[in-house]
């Protein structure tokens, strides 16, 4: 599925060396999302890494939901995540797993830590715990409840479990080192009281384990060999290892960190993406402007293009800064250039009457579905007296090198004749209504012998054009790092032109477009039939990407 290229991937190199040295018979990785939102392009990098490595080395990759916060988790998120992983082209080993599957074992291990004197129940409030923890330069202060007896701690922990105490009244903490230079080792919280029903476990539990306590032990239960996570978890690795050393776990996974994906003009904070959804700035998690996998899919991205992009950016230890979104556009543009059938579509219709073509005249051209592929169906393109061209392809007073249509000038209609603009028809207010042009009937399939015609325009028969709603999507934000300045609300950087909707006409072949079918609209860009609203009688196309990298040009001008 994935390709091995020259892109850096230090983890792949390490695993290869470990297998060669016989440290592992086979590898097991895992993709462990929190079901508290939809997956985004940053998760796609992790998916491709974890599943791709397992695939490359003949191992397994588990899909495990780290569902330790029932108040923020929903079944809809779980379903969307599974669909996204499958859509990207990957299959997980065995059944879907949940951290909640291991709640009984985790609780038993928590009791084990208490018996060993390495965990205690604390009555400090959340604010007091933060205060007692200290700072990066000052050691923490031990809790006054740190020296409770094993018997008292076991009793309080069980009473927490059955719901005797209110939320926030008590927590279970590991007993490690309040003077550690690593704040994560200053008696981290293992369990919090939450009187919330769990989407998998129901009402059995009144306490829920922390991510730090859950993650490594879940890896160990599943026999994960390589626990791959982004760099923000590097300071958590000593805690990850401490738990594994203190508990009778069945295996010892190894945590390896890699640089996360930071894409310009993009946010990947789930909290902020959820805010965009909840406050109606976008039309749901799968809005094509969102960096979610489902949004990218709806916009027209292909699984192959997302996987290719993730391979292009590589996997490194060092934070490489912002990745240019032009790389993502390049990945999808390259895929669609090779694989998307062609069609003509006029987004801003301007009627052209071909005055020397009889009203009843009709020709039908057989046009290749793709200029470089014989396996795509031939398109049937009708030519009639009245056609539409795009308004941007006409100027009454054109500048030099405007090789389109203007009064007295000629252009070729793609796959058809050369036409000349003879008259410009306006209404009483001087607004352009239509053009009257004439056809040179001796130019079908050949150039005029006595002159040179440079411009080529796309067009659609007015009588046979298929009405289309076309949504022109652009970057959701106007600045490279929307959340860089903490003093400025990231919402102030929203791009007001991120969605422009137009009503156009497409050639008749588009009437058969299926949801998620992708096309190159010739001379315009790449578009995808919307998977939600494209139905017989109503076609909606979403712009995936333009034919050229307009953002690179804008950046150079800036």
Protein backbone atom coordinates (compact mmCIF):
# COMPACT_ATOMS: atom_id res chain seq x y z
CA UNK A 1 0.00 0.00 0.00
CA UNK A 2 2.67 2.52 1.00
CA UNK A 3 5.78 3.23 -0.99
CA UNK A 4 9.32 3.28 0.36
CA UNK A 5 10.91 6.45 -0.95
CA UNK A 6 13.86 8.64 -0.07
CA UNK A 7 11.69 10.58 2.40
CA UNK A 8 13.26 10.38 5.90
CA UNK A 9 11.80 7.83 8.30
CA UNK A 10 14.10 7.08 11.23
CA UNK A 11 11.52 4.77 12.84
CA UNK A 12 11.41 2.55 9.79
CA UNK A 13 15.21 2.35 9.89
CA UNK A 14 15.22 1.47 13.61
CA UNK A 15 12.64 -1.28 13.20
CA UNK A 16 14.58 -2.75 10.30
CA UNK A 17 17.72 -2.86 12.45
CA UNK A 18 15.86 -4.44 15.40
CA UNK A 19 14.34 -7.16 13.24
CA UNK A 20 17.71 -7.85 11.63
CA UNK A 21 19.28 -8.16 15.11
CA UNK A 22 16.55 -10.56 16.23
CA UNK A 23 15.14 -8.33 18.98
CA UNK A 24 11.62 -8.97 17.65
CA UNK A 25 10.07 -11.79 15.68
CA UNK A 26 7.44 -9.42 14.35
CA UNK A 27 6.23 -5.94 15.12
CA UNK A 28 2.91 -4.77 16.52
CA UNK A 29 1.91 -1.12 16.30
CA UNK A 30 -1.32 0.62 17.18
CA UNK A 31 -3.32 3.69 16.22
CA UNK A 32 -4.97 4.98 19.43
CA UNK A 33 -7.35 7.90 18.72
CA UNK A 34 -9.50 9.62 21.31
CA UNK A 35 -13.13 9.39 20.12
CA UNK A 36 -13.79 13.06 20.94
CA UNK A 37 -13.83 14.44 17.40
CA UNK A 38 -13.11 13.60 13.78
CA UNK A 39 -9.64 12.70 12.57
CA UNK A 40 -7.60 15.37 10.76
CA UNK A 41 -4.60 15.46 8.42
CA UNK A 42 -2.22 15.16 11.38
CA UNK A 43 -3.87 11.87 12.33
CA UNK A 44 -3.49 10.75 8.71
CA UNK A 45 0.28 10.98 9.17
CA UNK A 46 0.06 8.75 12.26
CA UNK A 47 -2.29 6.31 10.52
CA UNK A 48 0.02 5.98 7.53
CA UNK A 49 3.02 5.56 9.81
CA UNK A 50 1.56 2.94 12.14
CA UNK A 51 -0.35 0.90 9.59
CA UNK A 52 2.29 1.41 6.93
CA UNK A 53 5.13 0.09 9.10
CA UNK A 54 3.10 -2.94 10.18
CA UNK A 55 2.28 -3.64 6.55
CA UNK A 56 5.83 -3.17 5.33
CA UNK A 57 7.35 -5.48 7.95
CA UNK A 58 4.59 -8.11 7.98
CA UNK A 59 3.28 -7.19 11.42
CA UNK A 60 -0.04 -6.08 12.88
CA UNK A 61 -1.52 -2.69 13.65
CA UNK A 62 -4.34 -2.43 16.18
CA UNK A 63 -7.06 0.18 16.17
CA UNK A 64 -7.67 1.07 19.81
CA UNK A 65 -9.89 3.86 21.05
CA UNK A 66 -8.45 5.52 24.14
CA UNK A 67 -11.89 6.13 25.61
CA UNK A 68 -11.11 7.34 29.12
CA UNK A 69 -13.21 10.53 29.09
CA UNK A 70 -16.86 9.56 28.58
CA UNK A 71 -18.12 13.15 28.81
CA UNK A 72 -16.47 14.10 25.50
CA UNK A 73 -16.80 10.83 23.57
CA UNK A 74 -19.52 9.86 21.11
CA UNK A 75 -20.36 6.81 19.04
CA UNK A 76 -20.55 9.08 15.99
CA UNK A 77 -16.86 9.85 16.40
CA UNK A 78 -16.02 6.17 16.70
CA UNK A 79 -17.92 5.35 13.52
CA UNK A 80 -16.29 8.22 11.62
CA UNK A 81 -12.79 7.21 12.73
CA UNK A 82 -13.25 3.61 11.61
CA UNK A 83 -14.57 4.80 8.26
CA UNK A 84 -11.61 7.16 7.81
CA UNK A 85 -9.03 4.45 8.50
CA UNK A 86 -10.71 2.11 6.02
CA UNK A 87 -11.03 4.88 3.44
CA UNK A 88 -7.30 5.54 3.64
CA UNK A 89 -6.82 1.92 2.64
CA UNK A 90 -5.89 0.23 5.90
CA UNK A 91 -7.30 -2.68 7.92
CA UNK A 92 -6.64 -3.18 11.62
CA UNK A 93 -5.67 -6.48 13.17
CA UNK A 94 -8.56 -8.38 14.74
CA UNK A 95 -11.49 -6.59 16.30
CA UNK A 96 -11.59 -2.92 17.17
CA UNK A 97 -10.17 -2.46 20.64
CA UNK A 98 -11.06 -0.02 23.40
CA UNK A 99 -9.08 1.07 26.42
CA UNK A 100 -12.32 0.48 28.31
CA UNK A 101 -11.91 -3.23 27.52
CA UNK A 102 -9.08 -3.14 30.06
CA UNK A 103 -10.75 -1.15 32.83
CA UNK A 104 -10.93 -4.17 35.16
CA UNK A 105 -7.25 -4.96 34.68
CA UNK A 106 -6.24 -1.32 35.04
CA UNK A 107 -8.14 -1.06 38.29
CA UNK A 108 -6.43 -4.22 39.58
CA UNK A 109 -3.06 -2.72 38.68
CA UNK A 110 -4.02 0.50 40.48
CA UNK A 111 -4.71 -1.59 43.59
CA UNK A 112 -1.32 -3.27 43.06
CA UNK A 113 0.41 0.12 43.12
CA UNK A 114 -1.43 1.04 46.32
CA UNK A 115 -0.36 -2.22 47.99
CA UNK A 116 3.24 -1.53 46.97
CA UNK A 117 3.07 1.93 48.53
CA UNK A 118 3.34 3.57 45.10
CA UNK A 119 -0.11 5.15 44.86
CA UNK A 120 -2.38 6.98 47.28
CA UNK A 121 -5.76 8.67 47.44
CA UNK A 122 -5.48 12.45 47.64
CA UNK A 123 -8.12 14.89 48.95
CA UNK A 124 -6.51 18.04 47.53
CA UNK A 125 -8.66 20.04 45.13
CA UNK A 126 -7.59 20.36 41.47
CA UNK A 127 -6.32 23.90 42.13
CA UNK A 128 -4.37 22.74 45.18
CA UNK A 129 -2.82 19.87 43.24
CA UNK A 130 -1.60 22.34 40.62
CA UNK A 131 -0.21 24.61 43.32
CA UNK A 132 1.53 21.78 45.17
CA UNK A 133 3.07 20.43 41.94
CA UNK A 134 5.50 23.34 41.74
CA UNK A 135 7.01 24.90 38.63
CA UNK A 136 9.68 24.16 36.08
CA UNK A 137 12.23 25.80 38.39
CA UNK A 138 10.79 24.96 41.81
CA UNK A 139 10.21 21.50 43.29
CA UNK A 140 6.74 20.39 44.25
CA UNK A 141 5.37 20.01 47.76
CA UNK A 142 4.14 16.60 48.97
CA UNK A 143 0.43 16.33 49.62
CA UNK A 144 -0.54 16.07 53.30
CA UNK A 145 -2.43 12.88 52.33
CA UNK A 146 0.64 11.26 50.74
CA UNK A 147 1.43 9.12 53.80
CA UNK A 148 -1.94 7.43 54.20
CA UNK A 149 -1.75 3.75 55.02
CA UNK A 150 -2.16 1.06 52.39
CA UNK A 151 -5.36 -0.12 54.07
CA UNK A 152 -6.92 3.35 54.10
CA UNK A 153 -5.95 3.97 50.48
CA UNK A 154 -7.43 0.66 49.33
CA UNK A 155 -10.65 1.39 51.19
CA UNK A 156 -10.96 4.92 49.80
CA UNK A 157 -10.17 3.76 46.27
CA UNK A 158 -12.92 1.15 46.38
CA UNK A 159 -15.38 3.68 47.75
CA UNK A 160 -14.39 6.04 44.93
CA UNK A 161 -15.09 3.26 42.45
CA UNK A 162 -18.62 2.60 43.69
CA UNK A 163 -19.55 6.29 43.72
CA UNK A 164 -19.51 7.32 47.39
CA UNK A 165 -17.71 10.60 46.70
CA UNK A 166 -18.50 13.63 44.57
CA UNK A 167 -16.57 14.55 41.44
CA UNK A 168 -13.35 16.36 42.32
CA UNK A 169 -13.52 15.27 45.97
CA UNK A 170 -10.71 12.74 45.66
CA UNK A 171 -8.22 11.39 43.12
CA UNK A 172 -5.79 8.50 43.02
CA UNK A 173 -2.18 9.60 42.44
CA UNK A 174 1.02 7.71 41.78
CA UNK A 175 3.64 8.14 44.51
CA UNK A 176 6.82 8.92 42.60
CA UNK A 177 8.94 12.05 43.19
CA UNK A 178 7.61 15.53 43.98
CA UNK A 179 11.09 16.97 43.46
CA UNK A 180 11.64 15.48 40.02
CA UNK A 181 12.85 17.84 37.31
CA UNK A 182 10.18 16.25 35.11
CA UNK A 183 6.84 17.60 36.30
CA UNK A 184 5.07 14.56 34.84
CA UNK A 185 6.71 12.45 37.60
CA UNK A 186 5.44 14.64 40.44
CA UNK A 187 2.76 12.24 41.65
CA UNK A 188 0.59 12.20 38.51
CA UNK A 189 -3.13 11.49 38.74
CA UNK A 190 -4.17 7.92 37.92
CA UNK A 191 -7.95 8.08 38.52
CA UNK A 192 -10.57 10.84 38.69
CA UNK A 193 -14.14 10.56 39.89
CA UNK A 194 -16.65 11.03 37.07
CA UNK A 195 -20.32 10.19 37.52
CA UNK A 196 -20.82 9.72 33.78
CA UNK A 197 -22.17 6.85 31.75
CA UNK A 198 -19.64 5.33 29.36
CA UNK A 199 -20.53 4.51 25.75
CA UNK A 200 -18.93 1.06 26.08
CA UNK A 201 -18.90 0.26 29.81
CA UNK A 202 -22.27 1.75 30.71
CA UNK A 203 -22.69 2.79 34.36
CA UNK A 204 -20.29 0.30 35.88
CA UNK A 205 -17.58 2.82 36.70
CA UNK A 206 -17.65 6.02 38.74
CA UNK A 207 -13.92 6.57 38.30
CA UNK A 208 -11.96 6.72 35.05
CA UNK A 209 -8.22 6.29 34.49
CA UNK A 210 -5.99 9.03 33.11
CA UNK A 211 -4.50 8.79 29.64
CA UNK A 212 -0.98 8.42 31.05
CA UNK A 213 -1.99 5.47 33.22
CA UNK A 214 -4.06 3.83 30.52
CA UNK A 215 -1.93 4.11 27.44
CA UNK A 216 1.23 2.16 28.21
CA UNK A 217 -0.59 -0.63 30.02
CA UNK A 218 -3.03 -1.02 27.11
CA UNK A 219 -0.02 -1.29 24.80
CA UNK A 220 1.47 -3.95 27.06
CA UNK A 221 -1.76 -5.97 27.18
CA UNK A 222 -1.94 -5.97 23.38
CA UNK A 223 1.72 -6.93 22.91
CA UNK A 224 2.54 -3.70 21.12
CA UNK A 225 6.26 -3.56 20.33
CA UNK A 226 6.50 0.04 19.13
CA UNK A 227 4.26 2.73 20.63
CA UNK A 228 4.63 5.64 18.22
CA UNK A 229 3.47 9.09 19.29
CA UNK A 230 4.17 12.73 18.55
CA UNK A 231 6.87 14.78 20.25
CA UNK A 232 4.62 16.41 22.84
CA UNK A 233 4.63 13.04 24.62
CA UNK A 234 8.43 12.89 24.90
CA UNK A 235 8.38 14.26 28.45
CA UNK A 236 5.77 11.64 29.31
CA UNK A 237 8.01 8.73 28.28
CA UNK A 238 9.71 8.41 31.74
CA UNK A 239 6.23 8.04 33.24
CA UNK A 240 5.23 5.57 30.52
CA UNK A 241 8.30 3.48 31.41
CA UNK A 242 7.81 3.88 35.19
CA UNK A 243 4.37 2.27 35.07
CA UNK A 244 5.67 -0.62 32.99
CA UNK A 245 8.52 -1.17 35.48
CA UNK A 246 6.24 -1.15 38.53
CA UNK A 247 3.47 -3.40 37.20
CA UNK A 248 3.38 -7.11 36.28
CA UNK A 249 2.58 -6.35 32.62
CA UNK A 250 2.78 -9.15 30.02
CA UNK A 251 5.10 -7.26 27.63
CA UNK A 252 7.33 -4.18 27.43
CA UNK A 253 6.46 -1.86 24.55
CA UNK A 254 8.84 0.90 23.54
CA UNK A 255 7.64 4.47 23.07
CA UNK A 256 9.17 6.39 20.15
CA UNK A 257 8.31 10.01 19.40
CA UNK A 258 8.22 11.76 16.02
CA UNK A 259 7.55 15.31 14.90
CA UNK A 260 3.88 16.11 14.42
CA UNK A 261 2.52 17.62 11.24
CA UNK A 262 2.12 21.39 11.25
CA UNK A 263 0.49 22.57 8.02
CA UNK A 264 0.27 26.24 7.16
CA UNK A 265 -3.11 27.96 6.73
CA UNK A 266 -4.50 25.09 8.84
CA UNK A 267 -5.56 24.32 12.41
CA UNK A 268 -5.42 20.79 13.82
CA UNK A 269 -6.54 21.47 17.38
CA UNK A 270 -9.60 19.29 17.97
CA UNK A 271 -10.89 21.79 20.48
CA UNK A 272 -10.74 24.62 17.97
CA UNK A 273 -12.11 22.51 15.15
CA UNK A 274 -15.03 21.56 17.38
CA UNK A 275 -15.62 25.23 18.11
CA UNK A 276 -15.80 25.94 14.36
CA UNK A 277 -18.41 23.20 14.06
CA UNK A 278 -20.43 24.04 17.16
CA UNK A 279 -20.60 27.77 16.39
CA UNK A 280 -21.54 27.26 12.75
CA UNK A 281 -18.46 28.69 11.08
CA UNK A 282 -18.36 25.52 8.98
CA UNK A 283 -20.99 23.03 7.94
CA UNK A 284 -20.02 20.13 10.20
CA UNK A 285 -16.87 18.10 10.74
CA UNK A 286 -16.83 17.01 7.09
CA UNK A 287 -17.09 20.51 5.64
CA UNK A 288 -14.66 20.47 2.68
CA UNK A 289 -12.78 23.43 4.18
CA UNK A 290 -11.97 21.44 7.31
CA UNK A 291 -8.61 19.62 7.59
CA UNK A 292 -10.46 16.50 8.73
CA UNK A 293 -10.01 13.33 6.70
CA UNK A 294 -13.75 13.23 6.05
CA UNK A 295 -13.69 16.87 4.95
CA UNK A 296 -10.77 16.24 2.61
CA UNK A 297 -12.58 13.22 1.21
CA UNK A 298 -15.69 15.30 0.55
CA UNK A 299 -13.54 17.96 -1.13
CA UNK A 300 -12.19 15.37 -3.54
CA UNK A 301 -8.92 14.16 -2.08
CA UNK A 302 -8.11 10.54 -2.81
CA UNK A 303 -6.69 8.02 -0.34
CA UNK A 304 -3.64 7.64 -2.56
CA UNK A 305 -2.95 11.39 -2.54
CA UNK A 306 -3.15 11.61 1.26
CA UNK A 307 -0.84 8.62 1.65
CA UNK A 308 1.55 10.11 -0.90
CA UNK A 309 1.59 13.43 0.95
CA UNK A 310 2.38 11.68 4.25
CA UNK A 311 5.24 9.84 2.57
CA UNK A 312 6.53 13.07 1.01
CA UNK A 313 6.81 14.94 4.31
CA UNK A 314 8.67 12.07 5.95
CA UNK A 315 9.05 11.10 9.63
CA UNK A 316 11.72 12.85 11.66
CA UNK A 317 12.62 13.45 15.28
CA UNK A 318 13.17 17.16 14.85
CA UNK A 319 10.31 19.61 14.48
CA UNK A 320 10.61 20.67 10.86
CA UNK A 321 8.36 23.71 11.26
CA UNK A 322 5.45 24.43 8.99
CA UNK A 323 4.78 22.18 6.01
CA UNK A 324 3.68 24.18 2.99
CA UNK A 325 0.11 23.37 2.01
CA UNK A 326 1.35 23.52 -1.59
CA UNK A 327 2.84 20.05 -0.98
CA UNK A 328 -0.63 18.71 -0.19
CA UNK A 329 -2.03 20.39 -3.28
CA UNK A 330 0.78 18.91 -5.35
CA UNK A 331 -0.03 15.40 -4.09
CA UNK A 332 -3.71 15.57 -5.07
CA UNK A 333 -3.06 17.46 -8.30
CA UNK A 334 -0.57 14.80 -9.43
CA UNK A 335 -3.02 11.99 -8.64
CA UNK A 336 -5.97 13.61 -10.40
CA UNK A 337 -3.90 14.66 -13.41
CA UNK A 338 -3.29 10.97 -14.08
CA UNK A 339 -6.64 9.54 -13.00
CA UNK A 340 -9.45 12.08 -13.27
CA UNK A 341 -11.59 12.02 -16.45
CA UNK A 342 -12.00 15.31 -18.27
CA UNK A 343 -15.14 17.36 -18.80
CA UNK A 344 -16.05 20.90 -19.78
CA UNK A 345 -17.90 23.11 -17.33
CA UNK A 346 -18.70 26.83 -17.51
CA UNK A 347 -18.82 28.38 -14.05
CA UNK A 348 -19.87 31.93 -15.02
CA UNK A 349 -21.99 31.45 -18.15
CA UNK A 350 -21.98 33.97 -20.97
CA UNK A 351 -24.27 33.09 -23.87
CA UNK A 352 -22.76 33.01 -27.36
CA UNK A 353 -25.02 32.85 -30.42
CA UNK A 354 -23.27 31.39 -33.47
CA UNK A 355 -25.13 33.37 -36.09
CA UNK A 356 -24.13 31.31 -39.13
CA UNK A 357 -25.19 28.02 -37.51
CA UNK A 358 -28.80 27.00 -38.28
CA UNK A 359 -31.11 26.86 -35.27
CA UNK A 360 -31.79 23.14 -35.71
CA UNK A 361 -28.13 22.30 -36.29
CA UNK A 362 -26.47 19.79 -33.99
CA UNK A 363 -23.18 17.96 -34.17
CA UNK A 364 -21.92 15.46 -31.63
CA UNK A 365 -18.20 15.01 -31.07
CA UNK A 366 -16.62 11.87 -29.65
CA UNK A 367 -14.03 13.17 -27.19
CA UNK A 368 -11.52 11.16 -25.17
CA UNK A 369 -12.34 10.79 -21.49
CA UNK A 370 -8.65 11.37 -20.71
CA UNK A 371 -5.97 12.52 -23.18
CA UNK A 372 -3.45 9.88 -22.05
CA UNK A 373 -5.69 6.91 -21.23
CA UNK A 374 -7.68 4.62 -23.47
CA UNK A 375 -9.50 2.88 -20.62
CA UNK A 376 -11.85 5.78 -19.89
CA UNK A 377 -15.19 6.09 -21.70
CA UNK A 378 -15.46 8.43 -24.67
CA UNK A 379 -17.55 11.54 -24.01
CA UNK A 380 -20.33 12.62 -26.37
CA UNK A 381 -20.18 16.43 -26.66
CA UNK A 382 -23.00 18.18 -28.62
CA UNK A 383 -22.39 21.38 -30.61
CA UNK A 384 -25.33 23.72 -31.27
CA UNK A 385 -26.14 27.26 -32.39
CA UNK A 386 -26.17 28.62 -28.83
CA UNK A 387 -23.40 27.83 -26.40
CA UNK A 388 -22.02 29.12 -23.11
CA UNK A 389 -18.48 30.30 -22.53
CA UNK A 390 -17.05 31.66 -19.30
CA UNK A 391 -17.44 35.39 -18.67
CA UNK A 392 -13.73 35.61 -17.84
CA UNK A 393 -12.90 34.47 -21.38
CA UNK A 394 -14.25 37.70 -22.93
CA UNK A 395 -13.02 41.27 -22.66
CA UNK A 396 -14.38 44.16 -24.69
CA UNK A 397 -11.13 46.10 -24.36
CA UNK A 398 -8.46 43.45 -23.78
CA UNK A 399 -4.85 44.06 -22.77
CA UNK A 400 -1.96 42.73 -24.79
CA UNK A 401 -1.49 38.95 -24.72
CA UNK A 402 -5.16 38.36 -23.90
CA UNK A 403 -5.53 35.26 -26.05
CA UNK A 404 -9.24 34.83 -25.49
CA UNK A 405 -12.32 36.35 -27.06
CA UNK A 406 -12.78 40.06 -27.81
CA UNK A 407 -14.52 42.06 -30.56
CA UNK A 408 -13.15 41.09 -33.97
CA UNK A 409 -10.85 38.44 -32.49
CA UNK A 410 -10.88 34.66 -33.01
CA UNK A 411 -10.51 31.71 -30.67
CA UNK A 412 -10.92 27.98 -31.00
CA UNK A 413 -13.62 26.16 -29.13
CA UNK A 414 -11.99 23.12 -27.59
CA UNK A 415 -12.57 20.02 -29.76
CA UNK A 416 -14.56 22.16 -32.21
CA UNK A 417 -14.33 25.12 -34.60
CA UNK A 418 -12.66 28.50 -34.67
CA UNK A 419 -15.15 31.33 -33.98
CA UNK A 420 -14.94 35.12 -34.36
CA UNK A 421 -16.69 37.69 -32.18
CA UNK A 422 -18.77 39.96 -34.41
CA UNK A 423 -21.18 41.75 -32.07
CA UNK A 424 -21.49 42.52 -28.38
CA UNK A 425 -25.12 42.65 -27.22
CA UNK A 426 -25.92 44.77 -24.15
CA UNK A 427 -29.13 45.76 -22.37
CA UNK A 428 -30.38 49.32 -21.96
CA UNK A 429 -28.20 49.76 -18.88
CA UNK A 430 -25.11 48.79 -20.80
CA UNK A 431 -24.78 45.38 -19.17
CA UNK A 432 -23.38 42.58 -21.31
CA UNK A 433 -26.08 40.10 -22.34
CA UNK A 434 -24.60 37.88 -25.04
CA UNK A 435 -22.12 37.68 -27.88
CA UNK A 436 -22.84 37.09 -31.53
CA UNK A 437 -20.10 35.15 -33.24
CA UNK A 438 -19.53 33.35 -36.53
CA UNK A 439 -18.00 29.95 -37.15
CA UNK A 440 -15.24 29.11 -39.61
CA UNK A 441 -16.54 25.71 -40.73
CA UNK A 442 -13.23 24.86 -42.37
CA UNK A 443 -11.42 24.58 -39.00
CA UNK A 444 -12.82 21.42 -37.43
CA UNK A 445 -9.80 19.36 -36.47
CA UNK A 446 -7.37 21.66 -38.28
CA UNK A 447 -5.90 25.15 -38.09
CA UNK A 448 -6.61 27.96 -40.57
CA UNK A 449 -4.01 28.08 -43.34
CA UNK A 450 -3.88 31.88 -43.62
CA UNK A 451 -3.71 33.00 -39.98
CA UNK A 452 -2.74 31.92 -36.49
CA UNK A 453 -5.36 31.45 -33.75
CA UNK A 454 -3.83 31.23 -30.27
CA UNK A 455 -6.71 31.04 -27.80
CA UNK A 456 -8.66 27.87 -26.90
CA UNK A 457 -11.83 28.11 -24.82
CA UNK A 458 -13.96 25.53 -23.05
CA UNK A 459 -17.68 25.75 -23.73
CA UNK A 460 -21.02 23.98 -23.24
CA UNK A 461 -24.04 23.66 -25.49
CA UNK A 462 -26.82 25.87 -24.10
CA UNK A 463 -29.45 23.34 -25.14
CA UNK A 464 -27.71 20.34 -23.58
CA UNK A 465 -25.78 21.83 -20.66
CA UNK A 466 -26.36 20.20 -17.28
CA UNK A 467 -27.11 22.71 -14.47
CA UNK A 468 -24.51 22.46 -11.71
CA UNK A 469 -24.01 24.06 -8.34
CA UNK A 470 -20.28 24.52 -7.98
CA UNK A 471 -18.71 25.30 -4.64
CA UNK A 472 -15.36 27.02 -4.94
CA UNK A 473 -13.51 26.14 -1.75
CA UNK A 474 -10.34 27.86 -0.64
CA UNK A 475 -8.20 27.89 2.51
CA UNK A 476 -10.26 28.41 5.64
CA UNK A 477 -7.71 30.85 7.07
CA UNK A 478 -5.95 33.84 5.56
CA UNK A 479 -2.70 33.59 7.53
CA UNK A 480 -0.11 30.84 7.72
CA UNK A 481 -0.43 30.26 11.48
CA UNK A 482 -3.96 31.17 12.58
CA UNK A 483 -3.30 30.45 16.27
CA UNK A 484 0.26 31.75 16.55
CA UNK A 485 -0.65 34.99 18.33
CA UNK A 486 -2.31 34.20 21.65
CA UNK A 487 -3.51 37.79 21.94
CA UNK A 488 -5.56 37.49 18.74
CA UNK A 489 -8.58 35.22 18.42
CA UNK A 490 -7.89 32.71 15.67
CA UNK A 491 -11.42 33.31 14.38
CA UNK A 492 -10.28 36.76 13.24
CA UNK A 493 -8.16 35.04 10.61
CA UNK A 494 -11.03 33.22 8.91
CA UNK A 495 -11.06 33.68 5.15
CA UNK A 496 -14.39 35.27 4.09
CA UNK A 497 -13.81 33.91 0.57
CA UNK A 498 -13.22 30.32 1.72
CA UNK A 499 -16.49 29.33 0.03
CA UNK A 500 -17.99 30.94 -3.06
CA UNK A 501 -20.94 29.20 -4.71
CA UNK A 502 -21.77 29.64 -8.40
CA UNK A 503 -24.40 28.19 -10.73
CA UNK A 504 -22.83 26.82 -13.88
CA UNK A 505 -23.41 24.40 -16.74
CA UNK A 506 -21.52 21.22 -17.50
CA UNK A 507 -21.34 19.01 -20.54
CA UNK A 508 -23.94 16.18 -20.70
CA UNK A 509 -21.49 13.48 -19.49
CA UNK A 510 -21.59 15.05 -16.02
CA UNK A 511 -25.26 14.13 -15.64
CA UNK A 512 -24.08 10.59 -14.83
CA UNK A 513 -21.59 11.70 -12.16
CA UNK A 514 -21.70 9.51 -9.07
CA UNK A 515 -21.05 10.84 -5.56
CA UNK A 516 -17.30 11.26 -4.96
CA UNK A 517 -16.49 10.94 -8.67
CA UNK A 518 -13.68 13.33 -9.54
CA UNK A 519 -13.10 15.28 -12.74
CA UNK A 520 -10.79 17.78 -14.27
CA UNK A 521 -12.96 20.61 -15.53
CA UNK A 522 -10.80 21.64 -18.46
CA UNK A 523 -9.01 24.97 -18.01
CA UNK A 524 -10.65 25.37 -14.58
CA UNK A 525 -9.46 22.85 -12.00
CA UNK A 526 -10.26 19.57 -10.30
CA UNK A 527 -13.72 18.96 -8.86
CA UNK A 528 -15.58 16.25 -6.97
CA UNK A 529 -19.29 15.40 -6.99
CA UNK A 530 -20.46 16.03 -3.44
CA UNK A 531 -21.09 12.74 -1.62
CA UNK A 532 -24.03 14.15 0.36
CA UNK A 533 -26.08 16.27 -2.00
CA UNK A 534 -25.36 15.09 -5.55
CA UNK A 535 -28.55 13.33 -6.59
CA UNK A 536 -30.39 12.84 -9.89
CA UNK A 537 -31.67 16.25 -10.89
CA UNK A 538 -29.32 18.14 -8.56
CA UNK A 539 -25.59 18.00 -8.98
CA UNK A 540 -23.18 19.73 -6.64
CA UNK A 541 -19.46 19.80 -7.34
CA UNK A 542 -16.79 20.83 -4.86
CA UNK A 543 -13.53 22.33 -6.05
CA UNK A 544 -10.66 20.19 -4.87
CA UNK A 545 -7.73 22.20 -6.19
CA UNK A 546 -6.92 24.48 -9.10
CA UNK A 547 -4.87 23.50 -12.10
CA UNK A 548 -1.96 25.64 -10.89
CA UNK A 549 -0.54 26.49 -7.49
CA UNK A 550 -2.11 29.93 -7.05
CA UNK A 551 -1.10 30.05 -3.38
CA UNK A 552 2.58 29.78 -4.27
CA UNK A 553 2.15 32.80 -6.56
CA UNK A 554 0.37 34.77 -3.85
CA UNK A 555 3.16 34.05 -1.38
CA UNK A 556 5.80 35.25 -3.85
CA UNK A 557 3.89 38.49 -4.43
CA UNK A 558 3.57 38.99 -0.70
